[in-house]
Protein backbone atom coordinates (compact mmCIF):
# COMPACT_ATOMS: atom_id res chain seq x y z
CA UNK A 1 2.89 -22.18 -28.26
CA UNK A 2 4.17 -22.67 -24.92
CA UNK A 3 2.39 -22.68 -21.41
CA UNK A 4 2.39 -22.24 -17.79
CA UNK A 5 3.62 -26.10 -17.35
CA UNK A 6 6.44 -25.65 -18.69
CA UNK A 7 8.06 -23.38 -15.97
CA UNK A 8 9.98 -24.85 -12.78
CA UNK A 9 9.25 -23.82 -9.93
CA UNK A 10 12.12 -21.78 -8.36
CA UNK A 11 12.82 -20.87 -11.61
CA UNK A 12 13.36 -16.87 -13.11
CA UNK A 13 12.33 -16.77 -16.62
CA UNK A 14 11.75 -13.92 -19.63
CA UNK A 15 8.93 -14.47 -21.26
CA UNK A 16 6.67 -12.58 -23.99
CA UNK A 17 2.73 -13.84 -23.00
CA UNK A 18 1.14 -12.85 -26.55
CA UNK A 19 3.46 -11.72 -29.58
CA UNK A 20 4.23 -7.81 -29.13
CA UNK A 21 3.91 -7.41 -25.46
CA UNK A 22 6.62 -6.45 -23.95
CA UNK A 23 9.13 -8.85 -22.27
CA UNK A 24 8.59 -9.68 -18.33
CA UNK A 25 11.25 -11.16 -16.40
CA UNK A 26 8.89 -13.77 -13.60
CA UNK A 27 9.73 -16.31 -11.03
CA UNK A 28 7.54 -19.37 -10.16
CA UNK A 29 7.04 -19.52 -6.78
CA UNK A 30 4.76 -22.05 -6.23
CA UNK A 31 2.86 -25.29 -7.86
CA UNK A 32 0.00 -27.54 -7.75
CA UNK A 33 -1.68 -29.49 -9.83
CA UNK A 34 -3.61 -27.00 -11.67
CA UNK A 35 -2.37 -23.56 -11.69
CA UNK A 36 1.49 -21.97 -10.44
CA UNK A 37 2.38 -19.11 -8.24
CA UNK A 38 4.09 -16.37 -10.40
CA UNK A 39 5.72 -13.15 -9.04
CA UNK A 40 6.32 -10.73 -11.60
CA UNK A 41 8.86 -7.71 -11.51
CA UNK A 42 8.39 -4.89 -13.09
CA UNK A 43 7.99 -1.34 -11.73
CA UNK A 44 7.07 -3.43 -8.45
CA UNK A 45 6.50 -6.44 -7.96
CA UNK A 46 3.04 -8.18 -8.42
CA UNK A 47 2.06 -12.07 -7.60
CA UNK A 48 -0.66 -14.05 -9.64
CA UNK A 49 -1.99 -17.26 -9.81
CA UNK A 50 -1.88 -18.93 -13.66
CA UNK A 51 -3.55 -21.73 -14.94
CA UNK A 52 -1.03 -24.48 -16.32
CA UNK A 53 -2.29 -24.44 -19.56
CA UNK A 54 -2.60 -20.82 -19.59
CA UNK A 55 -0.38 -20.00 -22.90
CA UNK A 56 2.52 -18.40 -23.05
CA UNK A 57 3.39 -16.73 -26.56
CA UNK A 58 7.77 -17.26 -25.71
CA UNK A 59 10.24 -18.26 -23.13
CA UNK A 60 13.51 -16.33 -24.00
CA UNK A 61 15.51 -17.65 -21.16
CA UNK A 62 15.96 -19.65 -17.78
CA UNK A 63 18.16 -16.78 -16.32
CA UNK A 64 21.35 -17.93 -14.29
CA UNK A 65 21.70 -17.94 -10.56
CA UNK A 66 24.61 -15.38 -11.78
CA UNK A 67 22.12 -13.32 -14.26
CA UNK A 68 19.91 -13.41 -11.39
CA UNK A 69 23.08 -11.85 -8.66
CA UNK A 70 23.40 -9.11 -11.24
CA UNK A 71 19.67 -7.96 -11.78
CA UNK A 72 18.92 -8.35 -7.71
CA UNK A 73 21.85 -5.66 -7.53
CA UNK A 74 20.23 -3.39 -9.86
CA UNK A 75 16.46 -4.17 -9.19
CA UNK A 76 17.65 -3.47 -5.07
CA UNK A 77 19.13 -0.27 -5.97
CA UNK A 78 16.46 1.36 -8.18
CA UNK A 79 14.26 0.22 -5.40
CA UNK A 80 16.92 2.17 -2.59
CA UNK A 81 17.11 4.81 -4.60
CA UNK A 82 13.43 5.86 -5.68
CA UNK A 83 12.43 5.35 -1.63
CA UNK A 84 15.04 8.32 -1.25
CA UNK A 85 13.43 10.02 -3.84
CA UNK A 86 10.40 10.30 -1.59
CA UNK A 87 11.43 10.56 1.56
CA UNK A 88 12.69 14.46 0.13
């Protein structure tokens, strides 16, 4: 079992918080003595504080800068298309 204490600020990770839970893309934005500020990317972006001792079932991958650029191109394109549909 892993914890949020292993994650580095500024990095993007694919994690699974519980064994049967879906995989999430997160970014650690800020680290304090006891907590980390995590941005979770799903249908909508959300930020939440996690204790460093909070468990993570699996840290699947630390994403490279190239993979993040590829993901951002897809994520931003989908967000743009969604906004256009709302305007109609």
